[in-house]
Full PDB file with SEQRES, HELIX, SHEET, SSBOND, CRYST1, ORIGX, SCALE, CONECT and MASTER records, all heavy atoms in Angstrom:
SEQRES   1 A   28  ASP VAL ILE LYS ILE GLU ASN THR ALA ALA GLY ASP VAL          
SEQRES   2 A   28  THR ARG GLN VAL SER THR ARG ARG GLY GLY MET THR ALA          
SEQRES   3 A   28  SER PHE                                                      
HELIX    1 AA1 VAL A   13  GLN A   16  5                                   4    
SHEET    1 AA1 2 ARG A  20  ARG A  21  0                                        
SHEET    2 AA1 2 MET A  24  THR A  25 -1                                        
CRYST1    1.000    1.000    1.000  90.00  90.00  90.00 P 1           1          
ORIGX1      1.000000  0.000000  0.000000        0.00000                         
ORIGX2      0.000000  1.000000  0.000000        0.00000                         
ORIGX3      0.000000  0.000000  1.000000        0.00000                         
SCALE1      1.000000  0.000000  0.000000        0.00000                         
SCALE2      0.000000  1.000000  0.000000        0.00000                         
SCALE3      0.000000  0.000000  1.000000        0.00000                         
ATOM      1  N   ASP A   1       4.944 -72.526  91.469  1.00  0.00           N  
ATOM      2  CA  ASP A   1       4.188 -71.342  91.873  1.00  0.00           C  
ATOM      3  C   ASP A   1       4.672 -70.950  93.269  1.00  0.00           C  
ATOM      4  O   ASP A   1       4.327 -71.585  94.255  1.00  0.00           O  
ATOM      5  CB  ASP A   1       2.690 -71.660  91.896  1.00  0.00           C  
ATOM      6  CG  ASP A   1       1.844 -70.492  92.399  1.00  0.00           C  
ATOM      7  OD1 ASP A   1       2.331 -69.339  92.382  1.00  0.00           O  
ATOM      8  OD2 ASP A   1       0.690 -70.738  92.819  1.00  0.00           O  
ATOM      9  N   VAL A   2       5.522 -69.936  93.331  1.00  0.00           N  
ATOM     10  CA  VAL A   2       6.101 -69.503  94.600  1.00  0.00           C  
ATOM     11  C   VAL A   2       5.333 -68.296  95.116  1.00  0.00           C  
ATOM     12  O   VAL A   2       5.299 -67.245  94.476  1.00  0.00           O  
ATOM     13  CB  VAL A   2       7.597 -69.163  94.448  1.00  0.00           C  
ATOM     14  CG1 VAL A   2       8.158 -68.617  95.763  1.00  0.00           C  
ATOM     15  CG2 VAL A   2       8.381 -70.401  94.014  1.00  0.00           C  
ATOM     16  N   ILE A   3       4.707 -68.482  96.281  1.00  0.00           N  
ATOM     17  CA  ILE A   3       3.987 -67.388  96.937  1.00  0.00           C  
ATOM     18  C   ILE A   3       4.895 -66.834  98.025  1.00  0.00           C  
ATOM     19  O   ILE A   3       5.148 -67.483  99.029  1.00  0.00           O  
ATOM     20  CB  ILE A   3       2.657 -67.882  97.530  1.00  0.00           C  
ATOM     21  CG1 ILE A   3       1.767 -68.443  96.415  1.00  0.00           C  
ATOM     22  CG2 ILE A   3       1.952 -66.748  98.269  1.00  0.00           C  
ATOM     23  CD1 ILE A   3       0.502 -69.091  96.921  1.00  0.00           C  
ATOM     24  N   LYS A   4       5.393 -65.641  97.776  1.00  0.00           N  
ATOM     25  CA  LYS A   4       6.348 -65.008  98.686  1.00  0.00           C  
ATOM     26  C   LYS A   4       5.578 -64.209  99.730  1.00  0.00           C  
ATOM     27  O   LYS A   4       4.904 -63.234  99.394  1.00  0.00           O  
ATOM     28  CB  LYS A   4       7.298 -64.107  97.905  1.00  0.00           C  
ATOM     29  CG  LYS A   4       8.383 -63.445  98.760  1.00  0.00           C  
ATOM     30  CD  LYS A   4       9.326 -62.613  97.896  1.00  0.00           C  
ATOM     31  CE  LYS A   4      10.387 -61.920  98.725  1.00  0.00           C  
ATOM     32  NZ  LYS A   4      11.379 -62.866  99.283  1.00  0.00           N  
ATOM     33  N   ILE A   5       5.673 -64.630 100.991  1.00  0.00           N  
ATOM     34  CA  ILE A   5       5.012 -63.925 102.086  1.00  0.00           C  
ATOM     35  C   ILE A   5       5.962 -62.862 102.618  1.00  0.00           C  
ATOM     36  O   ILE A   5       7.066 -63.177 103.072  1.00  0.00           O  
ATOM     37  CB  ILE A   5       4.624 -64.893 103.226  1.00  0.00           C  
ATOM     38  CG1 ILE A   5       3.807 -66.080 102.680  1.00  0.00           C  
ATOM     39  CG2 ILE A   5       3.870 -64.150 104.325  1.00  0.00           C  
ATOM     40  CD1 ILE A   5       2.473 -65.713 102.109  1.00  0.00           C  
ATOM     41  N   GLU A   6       5.537 -61.582 102.557  1.00  0.00           N  
ATOM     42  CA  GLU A   6       6.369 -60.480 103.028  1.00  0.00           C  
ATOM     43  C   GLU A   6       5.638 -59.676 104.087  1.00  0.00           C  
ATOM     44  O   GLU A   6       4.401 -59.555 104.052  1.00  0.00           O  
ATOM     45  CB  GLU A   6       6.738 -59.562 101.869  1.00  0.00           C  
ATOM     46  CG  GLU A   6       7.496 -60.250 100.747  1.00  0.00           C  
ATOM     47  CD  GLU A   6       7.941 -59.265  99.685  1.00  0.00           C  
ATOM     48  OE1 GLU A   6       8.870 -58.478  99.952  1.00  0.00           O  
ATOM     49  OE2 GLU A   6       7.328 -59.260  98.595  1.00  0.00           O  
ATOM     50  N   ASN A   7       6.403 -59.109 105.019  1.00  0.00           N  
ATOM     51  CA  ASN A   7       5.765 -58.310 106.059  1.00  0.00           C  
ATOM     52  C   ASN A   7       5.170 -57.038 105.473  1.00  0.00           C  
ATOM     53  O   ASN A   7       5.585 -56.555 104.407  1.00  0.00           O  
ATOM     54  CB  ASN A   7       6.756 -57.991 107.187  1.00  0.00           C  
ATOM     55  CG  ASN A   7       7.867 -57.060 106.736  1.00  0.00           C  
ATOM     56  OD1 ASN A   7       7.640 -55.891 106.460  1.00  0.00           O  
ATOM     57  ND2 ASN A   7       9.082 -57.584 106.668  1.00  0.00           N  
ATOM     58  N   THR A   8       4.186 -56.498 106.160  1.00  0.00           N  
ATOM     59  CA  THR A   8       3.456 -55.328 105.643  1.00  0.00           C  
ATOM     60  C   THR A   8       4.231 -54.030 105.802  1.00  0.00           C  
ATOM     61  O   THR A   8       3.898 -53.030 105.155  1.00  0.00           O  
ATOM     62  CB  THR A   8       2.097 -55.197 106.356  1.00  0.00           C  
ATOM     63  OG1 THR A   8       2.311 -55.198 107.773  1.00  0.00           O  
ATOM     64  CG2 THR A   8       1.171 -56.338 105.990  1.00  0.00           C  
ATOM     65  N   ALA A   9       5.255 -54.024 106.653  1.00  0.00           N  
ATOM     66  CA  ALA A   9       5.985 -52.775 106.909  1.00  0.00           C  
ATOM     67  C   ALA A   9       6.836 -52.367 105.716  1.00  0.00           C  
ATOM     68  O   ALA A   9       6.718 -51.252 105.197  1.00  0.00           O  
ATOM     69  CB  ALA A   9       6.851 -52.928 108.155  1.00  0.00           C  
ATOM     70  N   ALA A  10       7.705 -53.267 105.266  1.00  0.00           N  
ATOM     71  CA  ALA A  10       8.614 -52.920 104.173  1.00  0.00           C  
ATOM     72  C   ALA A  10       8.928 -54.090 103.256  1.00  0.00           C  
ATOM     73  O   ALA A  10       9.577 -53.922 102.230  1.00  0.00           O  
ATOM     74  CB  ALA A  10       9.925 -52.367 104.744  1.00  0.00           C  
ATOM     75  N   GLY A  11       8.481 -55.285 103.614  1.00  0.00           N  
ATOM     76  CA  GLY A  11       8.767 -56.455 102.798  1.00  0.00           C  
ATOM     77  C   GLY A  11      10.192 -56.943 102.977  1.00  0.00           C  
ATOM     78  O   GLY A  11      10.865 -56.623 103.950  1.00  0.00           O  
ATOM     79  N   ASP A  12      10.638 -57.744 102.049  1.00  0.00           N  
ATOM     80  CA  ASP A  12      11.993 -58.285 102.057  1.00  0.00           C  
ATOM     81  C   ASP A  12      12.998 -57.140 102.223  1.00  0.00           C  
ATOM     82  O   ASP A  12      12.895 -56.103 101.549  1.00  0.00           O  
ATOM     83  CB  ASP A  12      12.238 -59.021 100.734  1.00  0.00           C  
ATOM     84  CG  ASP A  12      13.506 -59.856 100.719  1.00  0.00           C  
ATOM     85  OD1 ASP A  12      14.559 -59.350 101.152  1.00  0.00           O  
ATOM     86  OD2 ASP A  12      13.449 -61.007 100.262  1.00  0.00           O  
ATOM     87  N   VAL A  13      14.000 -57.334 103.079  1.00  0.00           N  
ATOM     88  CA  VAL A  13      14.951 -56.254 103.355  1.00  0.00           C  
ATOM     89  C   VAL A  13      15.720 -55.833 102.117  1.00  0.00           C  
ATOM     90  O   VAL A  13      16.201 -54.688 102.040  1.00  0.00           O  
ATOM     91  CB  VAL A  13      15.934 -56.642 104.475  1.00  0.00           C  
ATOM     92  CG1 VAL A  13      15.201 -56.897 105.774  1.00  0.00           C  
ATOM     93  CG2 VAL A  13      16.762 -57.867 104.087  1.00  0.00           C  
ATOM     94  N   THR A  14      15.848 -56.711 101.123  1.00  0.00           N  
ATOM     95  CA  THR A  14      16.583 -56.316  99.921  1.00  0.00           C  
ATOM     96  C   THR A  14      15.803 -55.323  99.066  1.00  0.00           C  
ATOM     97  O   THR A  14      16.360 -54.763  98.123  1.00  0.00           O  
ATOM     98  CB  THR A  14      16.967 -57.537  99.065  1.00  0.00           C  
ATOM     99  OG1 THR A  14      15.777 -58.231  98.644  1.00  0.00           O  
ATOM    100  CG2 THR A  14      17.862 -58.493  99.836  1.00  0.00           C  
ATOM    101  N   ARG A  15      14.541 -55.083  99.399  1.00  0.00           N  
ATOM    102  CA  ARG A  15      13.799 -54.009  98.724  1.00  0.00           C  
ATOM    103  C   ARG A  15      14.353 -52.636  99.100  1.00  0.00           C  
ATOM    104  O   ARG A  15      14.075 -51.651  98.407  1.00  0.00           O  
ATOM    105  CB  ARG A  15      12.316 -54.070  99.079  1.00  0.00           C  
ATOM    106  CG  ARG A  15      11.544 -55.245  98.487  1.00  0.00           C  
ATOM    107  CD  ARG A  15      10.065 -55.098  98.791  1.00  0.00           C  
ATOM    108  NE  ARG A  15       9.257 -56.202  98.292  1.00  0.00           N  
ATOM    109  CZ  ARG A  15       8.728 -56.283  97.065  1.00  0.00           C  
ATOM    110  NH1 ARG A  15       8.955 -55.311  96.197  1.00  0.00           N  
ATOM    111  NH2 ARG A  15       7.988 -57.326  96.715  1.00  0.00           N  
ATOM    112  N   GLN A  16      15.123 -52.559 100.193  1.00  0.00           N  
ATOM    113  CA  GLN A  16      15.550 -51.273 100.725  1.00  0.00           C  
ATOM    114  C   GLN A  16      16.996 -50.920 100.380  1.00  0.00           C  
ATOM    115  O   GLN A  16      17.465 -49.845 100.751  1.00  0.00           O  
ATOM    116  CB  GLN A  16      15.396 -51.262 102.259  1.00  0.00           C  
ATOM    117  CG  GLN A  16      14.075 -51.804 102.764  1.00  0.00           C  
ATOM    118  CD  GLN A  16      12.873 -51.109 102.143  1.00  0.00           C  
ATOM    119  OE1 GLN A  16      12.862 -49.882 102.002  1.00  0.00           O  
ATOM    120  NE2 GLN A  16      11.869 -51.890 101.768  1.00  0.00           N  
ATOM    121  N   VAL A  17      17.743 -51.804  99.712  1.00  0.00           N  
ATOM    122  CA  VAL A  17      19.165 -51.555  99.489  1.00  0.00           C  
ATOM    123  C   VAL A  17      19.374 -50.650  98.279  1.00  0.00           C  
ATOM    124  O   VAL A  17      18.412 -50.173  97.661  1.00  0.00           O  
ATOM    125  CB  VAL A  17      19.932 -52.884  99.325  1.00  0.00           C  
ATOM    126  CG1 VAL A  17      19.790 -53.730 100.579  1.00  0.00           C  
ATOM    127  CG2 VAL A  17      19.443 -53.660  98.098  1.00  0.00           C  
ATOM    128  N   SER A  18      20.636 -50.393  97.958  1.00  0.00           N  
ATOM    129  CA  SER A  18      20.953 -49.462  96.869  1.00  0.00           C  
ATOM    130  C   SER A  18      20.932 -50.164  95.518  1.00  0.00           C  
ATOM    131  O   SER A  18      20.631 -51.354  95.424  1.00  0.00           O  
ATOM    132  CB  SER A  18      22.326 -48.844  97.108  1.00  0.00           C  
ATOM    133  OG  SER A  18      23.319 -49.848  97.164  1.00  0.00           O  
ATOM    134  N   THR A  19      21.293 -49.434  94.474  1.00  0.00           N  
ATOM    135  CA  THR A  19      21.224 -49.847  93.073  1.00  0.00           C  
ATOM    136  C   THR A  19      19.774 -50.148  92.719  1.00  0.00           C  
ATOM    137  O   THR A  19      19.318 -51.290  92.713  1.00  0.00           O  
ATOM    138  CB  THR A  19      22.123 -51.073  92.783  1.00  0.00           C  
ATOM    139  OG1 THR A  19      23.432 -50.845  93.327  1.00  0.00           O  
ATOM    140  CG2 THR A  19      22.247 -51.319  91.295  1.00  0.00           C  
ATOM    141  N   ARG A  20      19.047 -49.082  92.427  1.00  0.00           N  
ATOM    142  CA  ARG A  20      17.606 -49.210  92.209  1.00  0.00           C  
ATOM    143  C   ARG A  20      17.164 -48.341  91.047  1.00  0.00           C  
ATOM    144  O   ARG A  20      17.842 -47.405  90.633  1.00  0.00           O  
ATOM    145  CB  ARG A  20      16.842 -48.820  93.479  1.00  0.00           C  
ATOM    146  CG  ARG A  20      17.090 -47.396  93.945  1.00  0.00           C  
ATOM    147  CD  ARG A  20      16.213 -46.987  95.134  1.00  0.00           C  
ATOM    148  NE  ARG A  20      16.347 -47.873  96.265  1.00  0.00           N  
ATOM    149  CZ  ARG A  20      15.316 -48.486  96.857  1.00  0.00           C  
ATOM    150  NH1 ARG A  20      14.095 -48.293  96.401  1.00  0.00           N  
ATOM    151  NH2 ARG A  20      15.508 -49.254  97.897  1.00  0.00           N  
ATOM    152  N   ARG A  21      15.990 -48.683  90.520  1.00  0.00           N  
ATOM    153  CA  ARG A  21      15.323 -47.863  89.513  1.00  0.00           C  
ATOM    154  C   ARG A  21      13.829 -48.088  89.645  1.00  0.00           C  
ATOM    155  O   ARG A  21      13.375 -49.215  89.826  1.00  0.00           O  
ATOM    156  CB  ARG A  21      15.798 -48.235  88.098  1.00  0.00           C  
ATOM    157  CG  ARG A  21      15.243 -47.293  87.019  1.00  0.00           C  
ATOM    158  CD  ARG A  21      15.924 -47.515  85.683  1.00  0.00           C  
ATOM    159  NE  ARG A  21      15.583 -48.811  85.099  1.00  0.00           N  
ATOM    160  CZ  ARG A  21      16.155 -49.315  84.012  1.00  0.00           C  
ATOM    161  NH1 ARG A  21      17.135 -48.634  83.411  1.00  0.00           N  
ATOM    162  NH2 ARG A  21      15.791 -50.480  83.531  1.00  0.00           N  
ATOM    163  N   GLY A  22      13.090 -47.007  89.596  1.00  0.00           N  
ATOM    164  CA  GLY A  22      11.645 -47.103  89.706  1.00  0.00           C  
ATOM    165  C   GLY A  22      11.183 -47.668  91.039  1.00  0.00           C  
ATOM    166  O   GLY A  22      10.103 -48.261  91.119  1.00  0.00           O  
ATOM    167  N   GLY A  23      12.014 -47.506  92.072  1.00  0.00           N  
ATOM    168  CA  GLY A  23      11.653 -48.020  93.385  1.00  0.00           C  
ATOM    169  C   GLY A  23      11.981 -49.487  93.593  1.00  0.00           C  
ATOM    170  O   GLY A  23      11.751 -50.026  94.678  1.00  0.00           O  
ATOM    171  N   MET A  24      12.547 -50.151  92.571  1.00  0.00           N  
ATOM    172  CA  MET A  24      12.892 -51.573  92.671  1.00  0.00           C  
ATOM    173  C   MET A  24      14.409 -51.711  92.686  1.00  0.00           C  
ATOM    174  O   MET A  24      15.101 -51.111  91.865  1.00  0.00           O  
ATOM    175  CB  MET A  24      12.315 -52.362  91.499  1.00  0.00           C  
ATOM    176  CG  MET A  24      10.804 -52.323  91.393  1.00  0.00           C  
ATOM    177  SD  MET A  24       9.954 -53.254  92.687  1.00  0.00           S  
ATOM    178  CE  MET A  24      10.255 -54.945  92.163  1.00  0.00           C  
ATOM    179  N   THR A  25      14.941 -52.526  93.613  1.00  0.00           N  
ATOM    180  CA  THR A  25      16.382 -52.718  93.692  1.00  0.00           C  
ATOM    181  C   THR A  25      16.831 -53.891  92.834  1.00  0.00           C  
ATOM    182  O   THR A  25      16.078 -54.852  92.618  1.00  0.00           O  
ATOM    183  CB  THR A  25      16.835 -52.977  95.143  1.00  0.00           C  
ATOM    184  OG1 THR A  25      16.359 -54.265  95.566  1.00  0.00           O  
ATOM    185  CG2 THR A  25      16.316 -51.893  96.088  1.00  0.00           C  
ATOM    186  N   ALA A  26      18.080 -53.801  92.373  1.00  0.00           N  
ATOM    187  CA  ALA A  26      18.631 -54.898  91.565  1.00  0.00           C  
ATOM    188  C   ALA A  26      18.688 -56.189  92.366  1.00  0.00           C  
ATOM    189  O   ALA A  26      18.412 -57.270  91.841  1.00  0.00           O  
ATOM    190  CB  ALA A  26      20.023 -54.522  91.053  1.00  0.00           C  
ATOM    191  N   SER A  27      19.051 -56.083  93.654  1.00  0.00           N  
ATOM    192  CA  SER A  27      19.144 -57.287  94.481  1.00  0.00           C  
ATOM    193  C   SER A  27      17.803 -57.996  94.581  1.00  0.00           C  
ATOM    194  O   SER A  27      17.725 -59.223  94.438  1.00  0.00           O  
ATOM    195  CB  SER A  27      19.655 -56.931  95.880  1.00  0.00           C  
ATOM    196  OG  SER A  27      19.734 -58.082  96.693  1.00  0.00           O  
ATOM    197  N   PHE A  28      16.739 -57.252  94.817  1.00  0.00           N  
ATOM    198  CA  PHE A  28      15.423 -57.885  94.907  1.00  0.00           C  
ATOM    199  C   PHE A  28      15.008 -58.462  93.554  1.00  0.00           C  
ATOM    200  O   PHE A  28      14.516 -59.593  93.470  1.00  0.00           O  
ATOM    201  CB  PHE A  28      14.376 -56.896  95.406  1.00  0.00           C  
ATOM    202  CG  PHE A  28      13.030 -57.532  95.641  1.00  0.00           C  
ATOM    203  CD1 PHE A  28      12.767 -58.210  96.823  1.00  0.00           C  
ATOM    204  CD2 PHE A  28      12.043 -57.498  94.669  1.00  0.00           C  
ATOM    205  CE1 PHE A  28      11.543 -58.840  97.035  1.00  0.00           C  
ATOM    206  CE2 PHE A  28      10.816 -58.125  94.865  1.00  0.00           C  
ATOM    207  CZ  PHE A  28      10.569 -58.784  96.058  1.00  0.00           C  
TER     208      PHE A  28                                                      
MASTER        0    0    0    1    2    0    0    6  207    1    0    3          
END                                                                             
């Protein structure tokens, strides 16, 4: 059970990279 703690501003930086669909990136 992995609880991923992310910052409230934008979360993991890989949420912001390219190659995405529906607001979700392939890297994340």
